[in-house]
Protein backbone atom coordinates (compact mmCIF):
# COMPACT_ATOMS: atom_id res chain seq x y z
CA UNK A 1 -0.57 19.32 5.58
CA UNK A 2 3.16 20.09 5.54
CA UNK A 3 4.83 23.61 6.06
CA UNK A 4 6.22 22.57 2.34
CA UNK A 5 2.83 22.26 1.01
CA UNK A 6 1.81 25.36 2.66
CA UNK A 7 5.08 27.26 1.54
CA UNK A 8 4.32 25.70 -2.38
CA UNK A 9 0.67 26.85 -2.45
CA UNK A 10 1.36 30.38 -1.20
CA UNK A 11 4.19 30.46 -4.42
CA UNK A 12 2.71 29.47 -7.09
CA UNK A 13 -0.83 30.62 -5.98
CA UNK A 14 -3.05 26.91 -5.47
CA UNK A 15 -3.68 27.83 -2.26
CA UNK A 16 -7.48 27.67 -3.09
CA UNK A 17 -8.13 24.55 -4.42
CA UNK A 18 -5.74 23.19 -2.57
CA UNK A 19 -8.30 24.01 0.87
CA UNK A 20 -11.21 22.93 -1.40
CA UNK A 21 -9.25 19.30 -1.73
CA UNK A 22 -8.49 19.37 2.03
CA UNK A 23 -12.14 20.13 3.03
CA UNK A 24 -13.89 17.99 -0.36
CA UNK A 25 -11.46 15.38 -0.57
CA UNK A 26 -9.22 13.88 2.27
CA UNK A 27 -10.68 12.36 5.49
CA UNK A 28 -9.27 10.39 8.71
CA UNK A 29 -10.67 7.33 8.01
CA UNK A 30 -12.02 4.69 5.05
CA UNK A 31 -15.42 5.05 3.89
CA UNK A 32 -17.74 2.62 2.58
CA UNK A 33 -16.56 3.08 -0.90
CA UNK A 34 -12.67 3.41 -0.22
CA UNK A 35 -13.38 -0.15 1.74
CA UNK A 36 -14.73 -1.49 -1.06
CA UNK A 37 -12.08 -0.11 -3.69
CA UNK A 38 -9.70 -1.97 -1.66
CA UNK A 39 -10.90 -4.95 -1.55
CA UNK A 40 -11.13 -4.69 -5.50
CA UNK A 41 -7.55 -4.11 -5.55
CA UNK A 42 -4.68 -6.87 -6.37
CA UNK A 43 -1.79 -4.38 -6.33
CA UNK A 44 -0.88 -1.87 -3.49
CA UNK A 45 2.33 0.69 -4.00
CA UNK A 46 4.24 1.58 -0.69
CA UNK A 47 6.44 4.46 0.55
CA UNK A 48 8.52 3.99 3.70
CA UNK A 49 11.69 5.95 5.34
CA UNK A 50 14.23 5.33 7.63
CA UNK A 51 14.58 7.37 10.76
CA UNK A 52 17.00 9.70 8.54
CA UNK A 53 14.48 9.85 5.96
CA UNK A 54 15.88 8.00 3.59
CA UNK A 55 13.07 6.56 0.97
CA UNK A 56 12.13 3.03 -0.23
CA UNK A 57 9.02 2.86 -2.36
CA UNK A 58 8.02 -0.54 -3.04
CA UNK A 59 4.87 -2.75 -4.57
CA UNK A 60 2.63 -5.56 -3.20
CA UNK A 61 0.32 -7.99 -4.84
CA UNK A 62 -1.78 -10.76 -4.20
CA UNK A 63 -5.35 -11.83 -5.00
CA UNK A 64 -7.70 -8.94 -5.22
CA UNK A 65 -8.55 -8.48 -1.47
CA UNK A 66 -5.43 -9.38 -0.21
CA UNK A 67 -5.40 -5.64 1.80
CA UNK A 68 -7.82 -6.42 4.51
CA UNK A 69 -9.80 -3.61 6.08
CA UNK A 70 -10.83 -3.95 9.84
CA UNK A 71 -12.19 -1.22 10.69
CA UNK A 72 -12.76 2.40 9.84
CA UNK A 73 -9.27 3.30 10.33
CA UNK A 74 -7.12 0.05 10.24
CA UNK A 75 -6.11 -2.26 7.45
CA UNK A 76 -3.33 -5.08 7.16
CA UNK A 77 -1.70 -6.69 4.70
CA UNK A 78 0.44 -9.53 4.32
CA UNK A 79 4.26 -9.74 3.69
CA UNK A 80 5.30 -12.69 1.68
CA UNK A 81 9.28 -14.30 1.45
CA UNK A 82 10.95 -11.58 -0.81
CA UNK A 83 14.92 -10.94 -1.19
CA UNK A 84 15.42 -11.29 2.53
CA UNK A 85 16.45 -7.74 2.16
CA UNK A 86 13.69 -6.41 4.64
CA UNK A 87 14.18 -2.63 3.36
CA UNK A 88 10.35 -1.46 4.06
CA UNK A 89 10.15 -3.36 6.89
CA UNK A 90 13.13 -2.27 8.48
CA UNK A 91 12.19 1.03 7.73
CA UNK A 92 8.86 0.67 9.22
CA UNK A 93 11.13 -0.44 12.64
CA UNK A 94 12.46 2.93 12.36
CA UNK A 95 10.10 5.44 11.47
CA UNK A 96 6.12 3.98 11.54
CA UNK A 97 5.05 6.62 8.57
CA UNK A 98 4.09 5.05 5.67
CA UNK A 99 2.30 6.13 1.85
CA UNK A 100 -0.04 3.56 0.55
CA UNK A 101 -1.13 4.20 -3.45
CA UNK A 102 -3.87 1.84 -4.60
CA UNK A 103 -4.34 2.23 -8.39
CA UNK A 104 -7.59 1.17 -10.81
CA UNK A 105 -5.77 0.90 -13.82
CA UNK A 106 -8.41 -1.03 -15.93
CA UNK A 107 -12.01 0.23 -15.25
CA UNK A 108 -12.31 3.98 -13.37
CA UNK A 109 -8.69 4.99 -13.78
CA UNK A 110 -8.64 5.81 -9.90
CA UNK A 111 -6.22 5.83 -7.27
CA UNK A 112 -6.56 6.04 -3.44
CA UNK A 113 -3.80 7.37 -1.14
CA UNK A 114 -3.61 6.68 2.70
CA UNK A 115 -1.13 8.09 4.89
CA UNK A 116 -0.70 6.61 8.19
CA UNK A 117 1.47 4.39 10.75
CA UNK A 118 2.42 1.13 10.24
CA UNK A 119 3.67 -1.79 12.47
CA UNK A 120 4.62 -5.27 11.76
CA UNK A 121 2.37 -7.96 13.38
CA UNK A 122 3.70 -11.67 13.25
CA UNK A 123 1.28 -14.16 12.77
CA UNK A 124 1.01 -15.19 15.90
CA UNK A 125 -0.06 -12.10 17.52
CA UNK A 126 -2.94 -11.42 15.19
CA UNK A 127 -5.30 -11.47 17.80
CA UNK A 128 -4.03 -8.26 18.99
CA UNK A 129 -5.39 -6.27 16.34
CA UNK A 130 -9.56 -7.63 17.75
CA UNK A 131 -9.19 -10.64 14.92
CA UNK A 132 -11.46 -13.15 16.37
CA UNK A 133 -9.47 -17.04 15.76
CA UNK A 134 -11.88 -18.03 13.04
CA UNK A 135 -11.04 -14.55 11.10
CA UNK A 136 -7.34 -15.29 11.71
CA UNK A 137 -7.90 -19.28 10.61
CA UNK A 138 -9.97 -17.87 7.43
CA UNK A 139 -6.69 -15.21 6.46
CA UNK A 140 -4.31 -17.89 6.81
CA UNK A 141 -5.91 -20.46 4.68
CA UNK A 142 -6.68 -18.20 1.90
CA UNK A 143 -3.28 -17.27 2.16
CA UNK A 144 -2.28 -20.63 2.39
CA UNK A 145 0.77 -20.09 4.53
CA UNK A 146 2.50 -17.32 2.15
CA UNK A 147 2.13 -14.34 5.00
CA UNK A 148 5.15 -14.33 6.78
CA UNK A 149 4.02 -12.02 9.08
CA UNK A 150 1.45 -8.76 8.53
CA UNK A 151 1.88 -5.04 8.07
CA UNK A 152 -1.34 -2.75 10.33
CA UNK A 153 -1.18 0.50 9.15
CA UNK A 154 -3.43 3.24 11.33
CA UNK A 155 -5.03 5.57 8.90
CA UNK A 156 -4.20 9.49 9.27
CA UNK A 157 -5.29 10.83 5.97
CA UNK A 158 -7.11 9.25 2.59
CA UNK A 159 -7.56 10.84 -0.35
CA UNK A 160 -8.25 10.59 -4.36
CA UNK A 161 -5.84 10.47 -6.61
CA UNK A 162 -7.59 11.35 -9.55
CA UNK A 163 -8.05 9.67 -12.93
CA UNK A 164 -6.61 12.52 -14.80
CA UNK A 165 -2.99 11.17 -14.65
CA UNK A 166 -3.64 7.03 -14.80
CA UNK A 167 -3.10 5.10 -17.81
CA UNK A 168 -5.38 2.93 -19.38
CA UNK A 169 -4.29 -0.53 -18.59
CA UNK A 170 -5.78 -3.91 -20.04
CA UNK A 171 -5.94 -6.91 -17.37
CA UNK A 172 -4.79 -9.91 -18.47
CA UNK A 173 -4.29 -13.65 -17.17
CA UNK A 174 -1.05 -14.63 -15.88
CA UNK A 175 0.26 -17.15 -18.00
CA UNK A 176 3.95 -18.72 -17.43
CA UNK A 177 7.01 -16.80 -16.79
CA UNK A 178 8.58 -16.99 -20.05
CA UNK A 179 12.94 -17.04 -19.04
CA UNK A 180 14.78 -16.40 -21.73
CA UNK A 181 17.97 -18.91 -21.60
CA UNK A 182 20.48 -16.06 -21.87
CA UNK A 183 18.34 -13.90 -19.53
CA UNK A 184 18.74 -14.76 -14.64
CA UNK A 185 15.53 -12.88 -13.98
CA UNK A 186 17.30 -12.56 -10.78
CA UNK A 187 20.15 -10.63 -12.51
CA UNK A 188 17.80 -8.66 -14.52
CA UNK A 189 20.06 -5.34 -14.54
CA UNK A 190 23.17 -6.96 -14.92
CA UNK A 191 24.26 -5.97 -11.43
CA UNK A 192 25.99 -9.60 -9.95
CA UNK A 193 29.50 -9.26 -9.80
């Protein structure tokens, strides 16, 4: 817990509730239920910051289980081709602290927070994570060559995000992206000069 958390818990009188949460809801590893929860997710929100503390939040998505739990304290997710900016990975290079948020919007309306330290792992270095050649080939087959590299996270904290404020959503089958002729989806917000 941070100094700021402690200060605000004192100011707002929430220390007793916070202590109960820390003692009963927060662990420094992934238990079986958390591993199953991650394996069923098809999207992940990540937060990173550079060395100066400038933050970036981003979304990662894939087939359910695209984030793989390697053991009780390590997980990895693939980095696919994007816009080439490398904001999240650039931040990880400067500052390994990362926050992950997995959310189940459709069934249990529950979230899982994971905070830890991240590092970039190239495809040809996956064996450094203790993966066997068979594991690596299986992952690459599932990814169909889309993973340009991976981000490995050492888990420091794992805890629930309760359902109280998670909206209920209905999962739909993905269809073709409908592009209207007057809209350039790459410049949806009209920023291009």
